[in-house]
């Protein structure tokens, strides 16, 4: 039970990091569009 919980949490963290990075790159692209 504990193991599956740990795996689930690790997956959530990875997902969160993915969304965070995607959001960062999206913001960067938006800023670039404004500058150009």
N, C-alpha and C. Protein backbone atom coordinates (compact mmCIF):
# COMPACT_ATOMS: atom_id res chain seq x y z
N UNK A 1 0.83 -1.21 0.00
CA UNK A 1 0.00 0.00 0.00
C UNK A 1 0.87 1.26 0.00
N UNK A 2 1.85 1.27 0.90
CA UNK A 2 2.72 2.45 1.01
C UNK A 2 3.52 2.64 -0.29
N UNK A 3 3.98 1.52 -0.86
CA UNK A 3 4.77 1.61 -2.09
C UNK A 3 3.97 2.25 -3.22
N UNK A 4 2.73 1.78 -3.39
CA UNK A 4 1.91 2.32 -4.48
C UNK A 4 1.66 3.81 -4.26
N UNK A 5 1.51 4.20 -3.00
CA UNK A 5 1.30 5.61 -2.69
C UNK A 5 2.53 6.42 -3.09
N UNK A 6 3.70 5.90 -2.75
CA UNK A 6 4.94 6.62 -3.06
C UNK A 6 5.09 6.75 -4.58
N UNK A 7 4.81 5.69 -5.30
CA UNK A 7 4.91 5.72 -6.77
C UNK A 7 3.94 6.75 -7.33
N UNK A 8 2.71 6.74 -6.79
CA UNK A 8 1.70 7.68 -7.26
C UNK A 8 2.17 9.11 -7.04
N UNK A 9 2.72 9.37 -5.86
CA UNK A 9 3.17 10.73 -5.54
C UNK A 9 4.30 11.12 -6.49
N UNK A 10 5.21 10.18 -6.75
CA UNK A 10 6.33 10.49 -7.64
C UNK A 10 5.81 10.84 -9.03
N UNK A 11 4.79 10.10 -9.48
CA UNK A 11 4.21 10.38 -10.78
C UNK A 11 3.58 11.77 -10.80
N UNK A 12 2.90 12.12 -9.68
CA UNK A 12 2.28 13.44 -9.60
C UNK A 12 3.34 14.53 -9.69
N UNK A 13 4.46 14.33 -9.00
CA UNK A 13 5.53 15.33 -9.02
C UNK A 13 6.06 15.49 -10.44
N UNK A 14 6.24 14.35 -11.12
CA UNK A 14 6.76 14.42 -12.49
C UNK A 14 5.77 15.17 -13.38
N UNK A 15 4.48 14.88 -13.18
CA UNK A 15 3.45 15.54 -13.98
C UNK A 15 3.46 17.04 -13.70
N UNK A 16 3.57 17.38 -12.42
CA UNK A 16 3.57 18.79 -12.03
C UNK A 16 4.76 19.51 -12.66
N UNK A 17 5.92 18.83 -12.65
CA UNK A 17 7.12 19.43 -13.23
C UNK A 17 6.91 19.66 -14.73
N UNK A 18 6.28 18.69 -15.37
CA UNK A 18 6.02 18.80 -16.81
C UNK A 18 5.14 20.00 -17.10
N UNK A 19 4.03 20.11 -16.34
CA UNK A 19 3.12 21.23 -16.56
C UNK A 19 3.84 22.55 -16.29
N UNK A 20 4.67 22.55 -15.21
CA UNK A 20 5.39 23.77 -14.83
C UNK A 20 6.33 24.20 -15.95
N UNK A 21 7.08 23.23 -16.49
CA UNK A 21 8.03 23.55 -17.56
C UNK A 21 7.28 24.02 -18.81
N UNK A 22 6.15 23.36 -19.11
CA UNK A 22 5.38 23.74 -20.29
C UNK A 22 4.85 25.16 -20.13
N UNK A 23 4.40 25.47 -18.90
CA UNK A 23 3.89 26.82 -18.64
C UNK A 23 5.02 27.84 -18.79
N UNK A 24 6.20 27.49 -18.30
CA UNK A 24 7.35 28.39 -18.39
C UNK A 24 7.68 28.66 -19.85
N UNK A 25 7.79 27.60 -20.65
CA UNK A 25 8.15 27.78 -22.05
C UNK A 25 7.05 28.56 -22.78
N UNK A 26 5.80 28.32 -22.40
CA UNK A 26 4.69 29.05 -23.02
C UNK A 26 4.78 30.53 -22.72
N UNK A 27 5.11 30.86 -21.47
CA UNK A 27 5.25 32.26 -21.09
C UNK A 27 6.41 32.89 -21.84
N UNK A 28 7.51 32.16 -21.96
CA UNK A 28 8.68 32.68 -22.65
C UNK A 28 8.32 32.97 -24.11
N UNK A 29 7.58 32.06 -24.73
CA UNK A 29 7.19 32.24 -26.13
C UNK A 29 6.31 33.48 -26.26
N UNK A 30 5.39 33.65 -25.30
CA UNK A 30 4.49 34.80 -25.34
C UNK A 30 5.28 36.10 -25.23
N UNK A 31 6.27 36.10 -24.33
CA UNK A 31 7.08 37.31 -24.14
C UNK A 31 7.86 37.61 -25.42
N UNK A 32 8.39 36.55 -26.05
CA UNK A 32 9.14 36.74 -27.29
C UNK A 32 8.24 37.36 -28.36
N UNK A 33 7.00 36.89 -28.43
CA UNK A 33 6.07 37.44 -29.43
C UNK A 33 5.84 38.92 -29.19
N UNK A 34 5.72 39.29 -27.92
CA UNK A 34 5.49 40.70 -27.59
C UNK A 34 6.70 41.55 -28.00
N UNK A 35 7.90 41.01 -27.78
CA UNK A 35 9.12 41.76 -28.06
C UNK A 35 9.30 41.96 -29.56
N UNK A 36 9.02 40.90 -30.34
CA UNK A 36 9.28 41.00 -31.78
C UNK A 36 8.22 41.80 -32.51
